[in-house]
Amino acid sequence: MNPNPRLQRYLIAIEYIGTRFAGAQQQPNCRTVVGVLQEAFQKFIGQPVSVFCSSRTDAGVHALSNVCHVDVERISKRKPGDVLPPHEPLVVKRAVNHFLQKNEGDIMVIDVRCVPADFHARYKAQERTYFYRLLSGPESVSSFERDRAWHVPENLDLLAMQKACNILIGRHDFSSFRAAACQANSPIRTLDELNVIEVVSTPFFPSISERLKSSCVMEDPTVSLGSDTNHSQISLNTNEEKLEGSNSEACQEFGLRRRHRCFVVTARARSFLYHQVRLLVGVLKSVGAGDLTDPDVKRILEAKSITAAPPMAPACGLYLGHVKYDLPPETNQC
């Protein structure tokens, strides 16, 4: 039971674009995730609070879902001595987001839950999942992708990177994959998942071929997008031949940016060393570019020294994706 009956601890899931943050952890004279959150809560409840994050992301690192906890005391403005019931989670979410949107709009509360007073966002976390985006191709990266991915000009070998992942998965001494400023007591970590997949680079709008395929289905409902029948293939090819064989091909192509190949690295573990994920991605990129081989990856791992590893990947492509907990049963009220 909470020693102060007025206090309610909330678990807060947040998303943010890390570009304009100096990191998650509060720092003097810097704009940080915790600092902006605390300011929004203070405007909501009228008094200062302390926010504790599950994962202290660096400057420029984004979060699809980072988790924090905060203790909120609800005080009656008319009768300060009265003990009021805690705010409902939905009220907290809406109120805090209201103030966050007035502060650059690059951070948002996506979920709120009441938890016991001893529930700690960092120490109760069972697993963390990070994603890293790489854009591969010689052309300059789109303005819409600026600070959202690592652009590498080389054409990366997906299969080679996937094979290198198998070397790094498991329980190892990751001394070669932690920055000099790492304060962890031990370099031993268990990497439960490390993989690379290729995805569509810009999923926001359909390409010409995708629009043609969609048009093909609309004209003939019997054609399936995933169908391998000759009929669907003929329909699609016919449209493409019309486009490619006409004099308007240059007009159709003008002004359209060519898509980069997009690779997403997923890393999952209970905890990570300082800069571990970015150093792992740096090795995988070097493998994909042909600068390192599988024996080189083994050598770097066994060297147990960061001097053996290539430069780490930049912060802009890293996303904290999910923090897993064994949460207590949810109730309708706090």
C-alpha atoms as a PDB file:
ATOM      1  CA  MET A   1       0.000   0.000   0.000  1.00  0.00           C
ATOM      2  CA  ASN A   2       1.250   3.489  -0.877  1.00  0.00           C
ATOM      3  CA  PRO A   3       2.469   5.329   2.260  1.00  0.00           C
ATOM      4  CA  ASN A   4       0.836   8.512   0.932  1.00  0.00           C
ATOM      5  CA  PRO A   5      -2.842   7.795   0.138  1.00  0.00           C
ATOM      6  CA  ARG A   6      -2.929  10.788  -2.187  1.00  0.00           C
ATOM      7  CA  LEU A   7      -0.247   9.367  -4.490  1.00  0.00           C
ATOM      8  CA  GLN A   8      -1.050   7.133  -7.424  1.00  0.00           C
ATOM      9  CA  ARG A   9       1.696   5.606  -9.537  1.00  0.00           C
ATOM     10  CA  TYR A  10       1.035   5.539 -13.276  1.00  0.00           C
ATOM     11  CA  LEU A  11       2.848   3.585 -15.960  1.00  0.00           C
ATOM     12  CA  ILE A  12       3.113   5.830 -19.019  1.00  0.00           C
ATOM     13  CA  ALA A  13       3.932   4.595 -22.535  1.00  0.00           C
ATOM     14  CA  ILE A  14       5.224   7.338 -24.811  1.00  0.00           C
ATOM     15  CA  GLU A  15       6.356   7.766 -28.397  1.00  0.00           C
ATOM     16  CA  TYR A  16       8.697  10.489 -29.577  1.00  0.00           C
ATOM     17  CA  ILE A  17      10.866  11.711 -32.412  1.00  0.00           C
ATOM     18  CA  GLY A  18      14.286  11.991 -30.851  1.00  0.00           C
ATOM     19  CA  THR A  19      15.824  14.486 -33.270  1.00  0.00           C
ATOM     20  CA  ARG A  20      15.350  17.576 -31.108  1.00  0.00           C
ATOM     21  CA  PHE A  21      15.941  15.878 -27.772  1.00  0.00           C
ATOM     22  CA  ALA A  22      19.302  15.707 -26.012  1.00  0.00           C
ATOM     23  CA  GLY A  23      18.262  12.251 -24.801  1.00  0.00           C
ATOM     24  CA  ALA A  24      15.633  10.759 -22.524  1.00  0.00           C
ATOM     25  CA  GLN A  25      17.356  11.421 -19.195  1.00  0.00           C
ATOM     26  CA  GLN A  26      17.026  14.875 -17.666  1.00  0.00           C
ATOM     27  CA  GLN A  27      20.059  17.127 -18.155  1.00  0.00           C
ATOM     28  CA  PRO A  28      20.639  20.741 -17.125  1.00  0.00           C
ATOM     29  CA  ASN A  29      20.009  23.347 -19.810  1.00  0.00           C
ATOM     30  CA  CYS A  30      18.945  20.704 -22.348  1.00  0.00           C
ATOM     31  CA  ARG A  31      15.622  19.679 -23.873  1.00  0.00           C
ATOM     32  CA  THR A  32      15.047  16.077 -22.820  1.00  0.00           C
ATOM     33  CA  VAL A  33      12.182  13.605 -22.924  1.00  0.00           C
ATOM     34  CA  VAL A  34      11.896  13.447 -19.125  1.00  0.00           C
ATOM     35  CA  GLY A  35      12.127  17.211 -18.825  1.00  0.00           C
ATOM     36  CA  VAL A  36       9.303  17.822 -21.310  1.00  0.00           C
ATOM     37  CA  LEU A  37       7.135  15.154 -19.667  1.00  0.00           C
ATOM     38  CA  GLN A  38       7.661  16.576 -16.188  1.00  0.00           C
ATOM     39  CA  GLU A  39       6.757  20.042 -17.443  1.00  0.00           C
ATOM     40  CA  ALA A  40       3.509  18.729 -18.977  1.00  0.00           C
ATOM     41  CA  PHE A  41       2.566  16.876 -15.773  1.00  0.00           C
ATOM     42  CA  GLN A  42       3.275  19.943 -13.660  1.00  0.00           C
ATOM     43  CA  LYS A  43       0.941  22.018 -15.825  1.00  0.00           C
ATOM     44  CA  PHE A  44      -1.695  19.296 -15.480  1.00  0.00           C
ATOM     45  CA  ILE A  45      -1.640  18.783 -11.698  1.00  0.00           C
ATOM     46  CA  GLY A  46      -0.134  22.072 -10.561  1.00  0.00           C
ATOM     47  CA  GLN A  47       2.926  20.710  -8.799  1.00  0.00           C
ATOM     48  CA  PRO A  48       6.303  19.218  -9.774  1.00  0.00           C
ATOM     49  CA  VAL A  49       6.697  15.469 -10.353  1.00  0.00           C
ATOM     50  CA  SER A  50       9.569  13.070 -11.061  1.00  0.00           C
ATOM     51  CA  VAL A  51       9.407  10.875 -14.161  1.00  0.00           C
ATOM     52  CA  PHE A  52      11.504   7.673 -14.394  1.00  0.00           C
ATOM     53  CA  CYS A  53      12.106   6.023 -17.779  1.00  0.00           C
ATOM     54  CA  SER A  54      12.578   2.338 -18.514  1.00  0.00           C
ATOM     55  CA  SER A  55      15.225   3.068 -21.135  1.00  0.00           C
ATOM     56  CA  ARG A  56      17.506   6.090 -21.310  1.00  0.00           C
ATOM     57  CA  THR A  57      17.722   6.667 -25.041  1.00  0.00           C
ATOM     58  CA  ASP A  58      20.496   8.885 -26.419  1.00  0.00           C
ATOM     59  CA  ALA A  59      20.200  12.161 -28.297  1.00  0.00           C
ATOM     60  CA  GLY A  60      18.603  11.600 -31.700  1.00  0.00           C
ATOM     61  CA  VAL A  61      17.209   8.149 -30.854  1.00  0.00           C
ATOM     62  CA  HIS A  62      13.471   7.704 -31.392  1.00  0.00           C
ATOM     63  CA  ALA A  63      10.878   5.671 -29.513  1.00  0.00           C
ATOM     64  CA  LEU A  64       7.820   3.877 -30.820  1.00  0.00           C
ATOM     65  CA  SER A  65       7.124   2.970 -27.201  1.00  0.00           C
ATOM     66  CA  ASN A  66       9.246   3.911 -24.221  1.00  0.00           C
ATOM     67  CA  VAL A  67       7.765   3.443 -20.753  1.00  0.00           C
ATOM     68  CA  CYS A  68       7.988   5.641 -17.674  1.00  0.00           C
ATOM     69  CA  HIS A  69       6.419   5.772 -14.251  1.00  0.00           C
ATOM     70  CA  VAL A  70       5.302   8.806 -12.315  1.00  0.00           C
ATOM     71  CA  ASP A  71       3.624   9.417  -8.963  1.00  0.00           C
ATOM     72  CA  VAL A  72       0.752  11.881  -9.101  1.00  0.00           C
ATOM     73  CA  GLU A  73      -0.885  13.494  -6.105  1.00  0.00           C
ATOM     74  CA  ARG A  74      -4.405  14.779  -6.652  1.00  0.00           C
ATOM     75  CA  ILE A  75      -5.203  17.757  -4.430  1.00  0.00           C
ATOM     76  CA  SER A  76      -8.504  19.558  -4.150  1.00  0.00           C
ATOM     77  CA  LYS A  77      -8.157  23.235  -5.005  1.00  0.00           C
ATOM     78  CA  ARG A  78     -11.108  24.123  -2.809  1.00  0.00           C
ATOM     79  CA  LYS A  79     -10.231  21.903   0.142  1.00  0.00           C
ATOM     80  CA  PRO A  80      -6.499  21.085   0.033  1.00  0.00           C
ATOM     81  CA  GLY A  81      -6.841  18.767   3.022  1.00  0.00           C
ATOM     82  CA  ASP A  82      -9.304  16.425   1.289  1.00  0.00           C
ATOM     83  CA  VAL A  83      -8.133  13.158  -0.241  1.00  0.00           C
ATOM     84  CA  LEU A  84      -9.555  12.822  -3.755  1.00  0.00           C
ATOM     85  CA  PRO A  85      -9.683   9.637  -5.830  1.00  0.00           C
ATOM     86  CA  PRO A  86      -6.845   9.405  -8.373  1.00  0.00           C
ATOM     87  CA  HIS A  87      -7.305  10.556 -11.941  1.00  0.00           C
ATOM     88  CA  GLU A  88      -8.477   7.892 -14.367  1.00  0.00           C
ATOM     89  CA  PRO A  89      -5.778   6.802 -16.876  1.00  0.00           C
ATOM     90  CA  LEU A  90      -7.694   8.223 -19.840  1.00  0.00           C
ATOM     91  CA  VAL A  91      -7.913  11.613 -18.103  1.00  0.00           C
ATOM     92  CA  VAL A  92      -4.147  11.577 -17.504  1.00  0.00           C
ATOM     93  CA  LYS A  93      -3.451  10.632 -21.118  1.00  0.00           C
ATOM     94  CA  ARG A  94      -5.643  13.365 -22.602  1.00  0.00           C
ATOM     95  CA  ALA A  95      -4.527  16.092 -20.209  1.00  0.00           C
ATOM     96  CA  VAL A  96      -0.790  15.436 -20.554  1.00  0.00           C
ATOM     97  CA  ASN A  97      -1.050  15.162 -24.361  1.00  0.00           C
ATOM     98  CA  HIS A  98      -2.835  18.505 -24.406  1.00  0.00           C
ATOM     99  CA  PHE A  99       0.209  20.184 -22.896  1.00  0.00           C
ATOM    100  CA  LEU A 100       2.720  18.097 -24.849  1.00  0.00           C
ATOM    101  CA  GLN A 101       1.228  19.203 -28.156  1.00  0.00           C
ATOM    102  CA  LYS A 102       1.994  22.785 -27.182  1.00  0.00           C
ATOM    103  CA  ASN A 103       5.682  21.870 -26.817  1.00  0.00           C
ATOM    104  CA  GLU A 104       6.941  21.100 -30.349  1.00  0.00           C
ATOM    105  CA  GLY A 105       4.497  18.178 -30.742  1.00  0.00           C
ATOM    106  CA  ASP A 106       7.261  15.574 -31.108  1.00  0.00           C
ATOM    107  CA  ILE A 107       6.258  13.496 -28.083  1.00  0.00           C
ATOM    108  CA  MET A 108       2.954  11.860 -27.169  1.00  0.00           C
ATOM    109  CA  VAL A 109       1.502   9.627 -24.462  1.00  0.00           C
ATOM    110  CA  ILE A 110       0.087   6.502 -26.106  1.00  0.00           C
ATOM    111  CA  ASP A 111      -1.005   4.512 -23.048  1.00  0.00           C
ATOM    112  CA  VAL A 112      -1.507   4.957 -19.306  1.00  0.00           C
ATOM    113  CA  ARG A 113      -2.065   2.378 -16.590  1.00  0.00           C
ATOM    114  CA  CYS A 114      -2.349   2.458 -12.793  1.00  0.00           C
ATOM    115  CA  VAL A 115       0.255   0.273 -11.085  1.00  0.00           C
ATOM    116  CA  PRO A 116       1.260  -0.466  -7.471  1.00  0.00           C
ATOM    117  CA  ALA A 117       3.513   2.009  -5.673  1.00  0.00           C
ATOM    118  CA  ASP A 118       6.536  -0.316  -5.901  1.00  0.00           C
ATOM    119  CA  PHE A 119       6.282  -0.902  -9.657  1.00  0.00           C
ATOM    120  CA  HIS A 120       9.429   0.534 -11.281  1.00  0.00           C
ATOM    121  CA  ALA A 121       9.461   1.170 -15.034  1.00  0.00           C
ATOM    122  CA  ARG A 122      13.161   0.363 -15.384  1.00  0.00           C
ATOM    123  CA  TYR A 123      13.732  -2.490 -12.953  1.00  0.00           C
ATOM    124  CA  LYS A 124      10.481  -4.340 -13.698  1.00  0.00           C
ATOM    125  CA  ALA A 125      11.150  -4.439 -17.445  1.00  0.00           C
ATOM    126  CA  GLN A 126      11.568  -8.021 -18.663  1.00  0.00           C
ATOM    127  CA  GLU A 127      12.579  -7.348 -22.234  1.00  0.00           C
ATOM    128  CA  ARG A 128      13.420  -4.502 -24.596  1.00  0.00           C
ATOM    129  CA  THR A 129      13.148  -4.517 -28.372  1.00  0.00           C
ATOM    130  CA  TYR A 130      14.978  -2.062 -30.610  1.00  0.00           C
ATOM    131  CA  PHE A 131      14.645  -1.495 -34.342  1.00  0.00           C
ATOM    132  CA  TYR A 132      17.211   0.080 -36.621  1.00  0.00           C
ATOM    133  CA  ARG A 133      16.433   1.393 -40.127  1.00  0.00           C
ATOM    134  CA  LEU A 134      19.015   1.514 -42.905  1.00  0.00           C
ATOM    135  CA  LEU A 135      18.382   2.995 -46.358  1.00  0.00           C
ATOM    136  CA  SER A 136      20.661   1.590 -49.045  1.00  0.00           C
ATOM    137  CA  GLY A 137      21.298   3.286 -52.386  1.00  0.00           C
ATOM    138  CA  PRO A 138      23.511   5.831 -54.126  1.00  0.00           C
ATOM    139  CA  GLU A 139      20.924   8.636 -54.328  1.00  0.00           C
ATOM    140  CA  SER A 140      20.530  11.177 -51.568  1.00  0.00           C
ATOM    141  CA  VAL A 141      17.919  10.335 -48.976  1.00  0.00           C
ATOM    142  CA  SER A 142      14.458  11.881 -49.144  1.00  0.00           C
ATOM    143  CA  SER A 143      13.685  14.913 -47.007  1.00  0.00           C
ATOM    144  CA  PHE A 144      10.889  12.866 -45.435  1.00  0.00           C
ATOM    145  CA  GLU A 145      13.472  10.359 -44.216  1.00  0.00           C
ATOM    146  CA  ARG A 146      15.874  12.915 -42.794  1.00  0.00           C
ATOM    147  CA  ASP A 147      17.008  11.906 -39.300  1.00  0.00           C
ATOM    148  CA  ARG A 148      14.763   8.814 -39.476  1.00  0.00           C
ATOM    149  CA  ALA A 149      17.264   6.285 -40.865  1.00  0.00           C
ATOM    150  CA  TRP A 150      20.941   5.693 -41.633  1.00  0.00           C
ATOM    151  CA  HIS A 151      21.581   6.254 -45.318  1.00  0.00           C
ATOM    152  CA  VAL A 152      24.410   4.133 -46.725  1.00  0.00           C
ATOM    153  CA  PRO A 153      25.365   4.415 -50.411  1.00  0.00           C
ATOM    154  CA  GLU A 154      26.476   0.788 -50.711  1.00  0.00           C
ATOM    155  CA  ASN A 155      24.169  -1.962 -51.914  1.00  0.00           C
ATOM    156  CA  LEU A 156      23.866  -4.213 -48.862  1.00  0.00           C
ATOM    157  CA  ASP A 157      23.828  -8.023 -48.980  1.00  0.00           C
ATOM    158  CA  LEU A 158      20.818  -9.127 -46.931  1.00  0.00           C
ATOM    159  CA  LEU A 159      21.796 -12.802 -46.722  1.00  0.00           C
ATOM    160  CA  ALA A 160      25.304 -11.981 -45.502  1.00  0.00           C
ATOM    161  CA  MET A 161      23.908  -9.764 -42.748  1.00  0.00           C
ATOM    162  CA  GLN A 162      21.432 -12.435 -41.678  1.00  0.00           C
ATOM    163  CA  LYS A 163      24.240 -15.010 -41.408  1.00  0.00           C
ATOM    164  CA  ALA A 164      26.288 -12.615 -39.283  1.00  0.00           C
ATOM    165  CA  CYS A 165      23.335 -12.218 -36.917  1.00  0.00           C
ATOM    166  CA  ASN A 166      23.509 -15.926 -36.090  1.00  0.00           C
ATOM    167  CA  ILE A 167      27.055 -15.472 -34.797  1.00  0.00           C
ATOM    168  CA  LEU A 168      26.024 -12.730 -32.390  1.00  0.00           C
ATOM    169  CA  ILE A 169      22.802 -14.201 -30.986  1.00  0.00           C
ATOM    170  CA  GLY A 170      23.028 -15.770 -27.543  1.00  0.00           C
ATOM    171  CA  ARG A 171      24.934 -15.166 -24.324  1.00  0.00           C
ATOM    172  CA  HIS A 172      28.334 -13.545 -24.883  1.00  0.00           C
ATOM    173  CA  ASP A 173      30.863 -11.153 -23.480  1.00  0.00           C
ATOM    174  CA  PHE A 174      29.920  -8.089 -25.554  1.00  0.00           C
ATOM    175  CA  SER A 175      32.888  -5.953 -24.506  1.00  0.00           C
ATOM    176  CA  SER A 176      33.529  -5.210 -28.199  1.00  0.00           C
ATOM    177  CA  PHE A 177      30.002  -3.814 -28.405  1.00  0.00           C
ATOM    178  CA  ARG A 178      29.857  -1.349 -25.542  1.00  0.00           C
ATOM    179  CA  ALA A 179      31.048   2.242 -25.435  1.00  0.00           C
ATOM    180  CA  ALA A 180      33.850   3.321 -23.138  1.00  0.00           C
ATOM    181  CA  ALA A 181      31.386   5.273 -20.981  1.00  0.00           C
ATOM    182  CA  CYS A 182      29.305   2.159 -20.239  1.00  0.00           C
ATOM    183  CA  GLN A 183      28.644   1.850 -16.497  1.00  0.00           C
ATOM    184  CA  ALA A 184      27.309  -1.722 -16.508  1.00  0.00           C
ATOM    185  CA  ASN A 185      28.972  -4.000 -13.979  1.00  0.00           C
ATOM    186  CA  SER A 186      29.321  -6.840 -16.469  1.00  0.00           C
ATOM    187  CA  PRO A 187      29.683  -6.982 -20.279  1.00  0.00           C
ATOM    188  CA  ILE A 188      27.862 -10.331 -20.335  1.00  0.00           C
ATOM    189  CA  ARG A 189      24.498 -10.075 -22.064  1.00  0.00           C
ATOM    190  CA  THR A 190      22.057 -12.512 -23.661  1.00  0.00           C
ATOM    191  CA  LEU A 191      20.907 -11.380 -27.073  1.00  0.00           C
ATOM    192  CA  ASP A 192      17.590 -13.200 -27.570  1.00  0.00           C
ATOM    193  CA  GLU A 193      16.957 -11.950 -31.085  1.00  0.00           C
ATOM    194  CA  LEU A 194      19.002 -10.274 -33.802  1.00  0.00           C
ATOM    195  CA  ASN A 195      17.783 -10.301 -37.367  1.00  0.00           C
ATOM    196  CA  VAL A 196      17.613  -8.219 -40.523  1.00  0.00           C
ATOM    197  CA  ILE A 197      14.728  -8.014 -42.979  1.00  0.00           C
ATOM    198  CA  GLU A 198      14.086  -5.893 -46.046  1.00  0.00           C
ATOM    199  CA  VAL A 199      10.875  -3.851 -46.079  1.00  0.00           C
ATOM    200  CA  VAL A 200       9.239  -1.240 -48.297  1.00  0.00           C
ATOM    201  CA  SER A 201      11.252   1.935 -47.863  1.00  0.00           C
ATOM    202  CA  THR A 202       8.455   4.502 -48.104  1.00  0.00           C
ATOM    203  CA  PRO A 203       5.093   2.966 -47.248  1.00  0.00           C
ATOM    204  CA  PHE A 204       3.200   6.254 -47.192  1.00  0.00           C
ATOM    205  CA  PHE A 205       2.163   6.393 -50.860  1.00  0.00           C
ATOM    206  CA  PRO A 206       1.844   3.736 -53.593  1.00  0.00           C
ATOM    207  CA  SER A 207       4.316   3.533 -56.472  1.00  0.00           C
ATOM    208  CA  ILE A 208       3.264   3.492 -60.134  1.00  0.00           C
ATOM    209  CA  SER A 209       3.399  -0.318 -60.302  1.00  0.00           C
ATOM    210  CA  GLU A 210       1.345  -0.597 -57.103  1.00  0.00           C
ATOM    211  CA  ARG A 211      -1.276   1.787 -58.487  1.00  0.00           C
ATOM    212  CA  LEU A 212      -1.380  -0.211 -61.720  1.00  0.00           C
ATOM    213  CA  LYS A 213      -1.904  -3.414 -59.771  1.00  0.00           C
ATOM    214  CA  SER A 214      -4.680  -1.789 -57.738  1.00  0.00           C
ATOM    215  CA  SER A 215      -6.303  -0.470 -60.921  1.00  0.00           C
ATOM    216  CA  CYS A 216      -6.100  -3.947 -62.415  1.00  0.00           C
ATOM    217  CA  VAL A 217      -8.064  -5.390 -59.489  1.00  0.00           C
ATOM    218  CA  MET A 218     -10.694  -2.634 -59.637  1.00  0.00           C
ATOM    219  CA  GLU A 219     -11.298  -3.277 -63.336  1.00  0.00           C
ATOM    220  CA  ASP A 220     -11.477  -7.051 -62.840  1.00  0.00           C
ATOM    221  CA  PRO A 221     -12.590  -8.122 -59.330  1.00  0.00           C
ATOM    222  CA  THR A 222     -11.587 -11.720 -60.096  1.00  0.00           C
ATOM    223  CA  VAL A 223      -7.923 -10.688 -60.066  1.00  0.00           C
ATOM    224  CA  SER A 224      -6.221 -11.087 -56.691  1.00  0.00           C
ATOM    225  CA  LEU A 225      -3.189  -9.056 -55.631  1.00  0.00           C
ATOM    226  CA  GLY A 226      -1.534 -12.215 -54.422  1.00  0.00           C
ATOM    227  CA  SER A 227      -2.725 -14.408 -57.291  1.00  0.00           C
ATOM    228  CA  ASP A 228      -0.267 -16.299 -59.441  1.00  0.00           C
ATOM    229  CA  THR A 229      -2.819 -17.018 -62.157  1.00  0.00           C
ATOM    230  CA  ASN A 230      -1.952 -16.258 -65.750  1.00  0.00           C
ATOM    231  CA  HIS A 231      -4.957 -13.954 -65.983  1.00  0.00           C
ATOM    232  CA  SER A 232      -3.699 -11.588 -63.301  1.00  0.00           C
ATOM    233  CA  GLN A 233      -0.168 -11.683 -64.686  1.00  0.00           C
ATOM    234  CA  ILE A 234      -1.400 -10.880 -68.178  1.00  0.00           C
ATOM    235  CA  SER A 235      -3.532  -7.985 -66.889  1.00  0.00           C
ATOM    236  CA  LEU A 236      -0.619  -6.458 -64.988  1.00  0.00           C
ATOM    237  CA  ASN A 237       1.846  -6.938 -67.815  1.00  0.00           C
ATOM    238  CA  THR A 238      -0.550  -5.383 -70.276  1.00  0.00           C
ATOM    239  CA  ASN A 239      -0.785  -2.213 -68.210  1.00  0.00           C
ATOM    240  CA  GLU A 240       2.972  -2.078 -67.720  1.00  0.00           C
ATOM    241  CA  GLU A 241       3.570  -2.539 -71.462  1.00  0.00           C
ATOM    242  CA  LYS A 242       1.206   0.310 -72.185  1.00  0.00           C
ATOM    243  CA  LEU A 243       3.172   2.518 -69.820  1.00  0.00           C
ATOM    244  CA  GLU A 244       6.626   1.444 -70.963  1.00  0.00           C
ATOM    245  CA  GLY A 245       5.814   1.284 -74.667  1.00  0.00           C
ATOM    246  CA  SER A 246       4.265   4.699 -74.923  1.00  0.00           C
ATOM    247  CA  ASN A 247       5.944   8.005 -75.589  1.00  0.00           C
ATOM    248  CA  SER A 248       4.700   9.221 -72.227  1.00  0.00           C
ATOM    249  CA  GLU A 249       7.096   6.996 -70.282  1.00  0.00           C
ATOM    250  CA  ALA A 250       9.502   9.858 -69.662  1.00  0.00           C
ATOM    251  CA  CYS A 251       6.622  12.010 -68.476  1.00  0.00           C
ATOM    252  CA  GLN A 252       5.448   9.282 -66.098  1.00  0.00           C
ATOM    253  CA  GLU A 253       8.918   8.875 -64.599  1.00  0.00           C
ATOM    254  CA  PHE A 254       9.838  12.545 -64.365  1.00  0.00           C
ATOM    255  CA  GLY A 255       9.671  13.937 -60.854  1.00  0.00           C
ATOM    256  CA  LEU A 256       9.441  10.547 -59.161  1.00  0.00           C
ATOM    257  CA  ARG A 257      12.108   9.676 -56.614  1.00  0.00           C
ATOM    258  CA  ARG A 258      13.541   6.189 -56.831  1.00  0.00           C
ATOM    259  CA  ARG A 259      13.064   4.215 -53.653  1.00  0.00           C
ATOM    260  CA  HIS A 260      16.005   3.092 -51.583  1.00  0.00           C
ATOM    261  CA  ARG A 261      16.249  -0.437 -50.318  1.00  0.00           C
ATOM    262  CA  CYS A 262      15.221  -0.391 -46.666  1.00  0.00           C
ATOM    263  CA  PHE A 263      16.577  -2.824 -44.091  1.00  0.00           C
ATOM    264  CA  VAL A 264      15.324  -3.132 -40.523  1.00  0.00           C
ATOM    265  CA  VAL A 265      17.502  -4.684 -37.831  1.00  0.00           C
ATOM    266  CA  THR A 266      15.651  -6.049 -34.791  1.00  0.00           C
ATOM    267  CA  ALA A 267      17.502  -6.567 -31.510  1.00  0.00           C
ATOM    268  CA  ARG A 268      15.762  -8.006 -28.449  1.00  0.00           C
ATOM    269  CA  ALA A 269      17.160  -8.654 -24.962  1.00  0.00           C
ATOM    270  CA  ARG A 270      16.389  -8.097 -21.311  1.00  0.00           C
ATOM    271  CA  SER A 271      18.913  -5.275 -21.243  1.00  0.00           C
ATOM    272  CA  PHE A 272      21.623  -3.810 -23.448  1.00  0.00           C
ATOM    273  CA  LEU A 273      25.022  -2.283 -22.885  1.00  0.00           C
ATOM    274  CA  TYR A 274      25.618   1.370 -23.652  1.00  0.00           C
ATOM    275  CA  HIS A 275      25.611   1.809 -27.457  1.00  0.00           C
ATOM    276  CA  GLN A 276      25.420  -1.968 -27.941  1.00  0.00           C
ATOM    277  CA  VAL A 277      22.703  -1.928 -30.593  1.00  0.00           C
ATOM    278  CA  ARG A 278      24.359   0.795 -32.645  1.00  0.00           C
ATOM    279  CA  LEU A 279      27.700  -1.038 -32.528  1.00  0.00           C
ATOM    280  CA  LEU A 280      26.004  -4.265 -33.602  1.00  0.00           C
ATOM    281  CA  VAL A 281      24.383  -2.461 -36.531  1.00  0.00           C
ATOM    282  CA  GLY A 282      27.749  -0.972 -37.475  1.00  0.00           C
ATOM    283  CA  VAL A 283      29.174  -4.493 -37.798  1.00  0.00           C
ATOM    284  CA  LEU A 284      26.154  -5.767 -39.745  1.00  0.00           C
ATOM    285  CA  LYS A 285      26.357  -2.857 -42.177  1.00  0.00           C
ATOM    286  CA  SER A 286      30.068  -3.571 -42.761  1.00  0.00           C
ATOM    287  CA  VAL A 287      29.207  -7.211 -43.451  1.00  0.00           C
ATOM    288  CA  GLY A 288      26.435  -6.223 -45.851  1.00  0.00           C
ATOM    289  CA  ALA A 289      28.775  -3.858 -47.696  1.00  0.00           C
ATOM    290  CA  GLY A 290      31.394  -6.604 -48.061  1.00  0.00           C
ATOM    291  CA  ASP A 291      33.944  -4.990 -45.768  1.00  0.00           C
ATOM    292  CA  LEU A 292      33.714  -7.774 -43.159  1.00  0.00           C
ATOM    293  CA  THR A 293      33.158 -11.519 -43.330  1.00  0.00           C
ATOM    294  CA  ASP A 294      31.785 -14.048 -40.840  1.00  0.00           C
ATOM    295  CA  PRO A 295      35.291 -14.842 -39.494  1.00  0.00           C
ATOM    296  CA  ASP A 296      35.793 -11.106 -38.961  1.00  0.00           C
ATOM    297  CA  VAL A 297      32.594 -10.934 -36.898  1.00  0.00           C
ATOM    298  CA  LYS A 298      33.791 -13.820 -34.730  1.00  0.00           C
ATOM    299  CA  ARG A 299      37.169 -12.129 -34.331  1.00  0.00           C
ATOM    300  CA  ILE A 300      35.550  -8.850 -33.214  1.00  0.00           C
ATOM    301  CA  LEU A 301      33.336 -10.650 -30.699  1.00  0.00           C
ATOM    302  CA  GLU A 302      36.244 -12.647 -29.280  1.00  0.00           C
ATOM    303  CA  ALA A 303      38.543  -9.600 -29.107  1.00  0.00           C
ATOM    304  CA  LYS A 304      36.435  -8.195 -26.231  1.00  0.00           C
ATOM    305  CA  SER A 305      37.566  -4.673 -27.095  1.00  0.00           C
ATOM    306  CA  ILE A 306      35.646  -1.879 -28.748  1.00  0.00           C
ATOM    307  CA  THR A 307      38.777  -1.006 -30.737  1.00  0.00           C
ATOM    308  CA  ALA A 308      38.185  -4.155 -32.781  1.00  0.00           C
ATOM    309  CA  ALA A 309      34.754  -3.029 -33.986  1.00  0.00           C
ATOM    310  CA  PRO A 310      33.993  -0.669 -36.881  1.00  0.00           C
ATOM    311  CA  PRO A 311      32.387   2.725 -36.119  1.00  0.00           C
ATOM    312  CA  MET A 312      28.926   2.441 -34.614  1.00  0.00           C
ATOM    313  CA  ALA A 313      25.790   3.378 -36.512  1.00  0.00           C
ATOM    314  CA  PRO A 314      24.411   6.912 -36.026  1.00  0.00           C
ATOM    315  CA  ALA A 315      21.594   7.556 -33.580  1.00  0.00           C
ATOM    316  CA  CYS A 316      19.062   8.692 -36.187  1.00  0.00           C
ATOM    317  CA  GLY A 317      18.146   5.179 -37.352  1.00  0.00           C
ATOM    318  CA  LEU A 318      17.542   3.691 -33.896  1.00  0.00           C
ATOM    319  CA  TYR A 319      14.045   3.204 -32.461  1.00  0.00           C
ATOM    320  CA  LEU A 320      13.073   1.783 -29.086  1.00  0.00           C
ATOM    321  CA  GLY A 321      10.203  -0.429 -30.208  1.00  0.00           C
ATOM    322  CA  HIS A 322       8.752  -2.114 -27.149  1.00  0.00           C
ATOM    323  CA  VAL A 323       9.327  -2.693 -23.441  1.00  0.00           C
ATOM    324  CA  LYS A 324       7.781  -5.866 -22.052  1.00  0.00           C
ATOM    325  CA  TYR A 325       6.432  -6.243 -18.503  1.00  0.00           C
ATOM    326  CA  ASP A 326       4.600  -8.772 -16.390  1.00  0.00           C
ATOM    327  CA  LEU A 327       1.848  -6.326 -15.485  1.00  0.00           C
ATOM    328  CA  PRO A 328      -0.604  -6.779 -12.629  1.00  0.00           C
ATOM    329  CA  PRO A 329      -4.250  -7.384 -13.634  1.00  0.00           C
ATOM    330  CA  GLU A 330      -5.855  -4.272 -15.081  1.00  0.00           C
ATOM    331  CA  THR A 331      -8.871  -2.790 -13.347  1.00  0.00           C
ATOM    332  CA  ASN A 332     -11.419  -0.276 -14.543  1.00  0.00           C
ATOM    333  CA  GLN A 333     -10.378   2.183 -11.856  1.00  0.00           C
ATOM    334  CA  CYS A 334      -7.126   3.046 -10.068  1.00  0.00           C
END
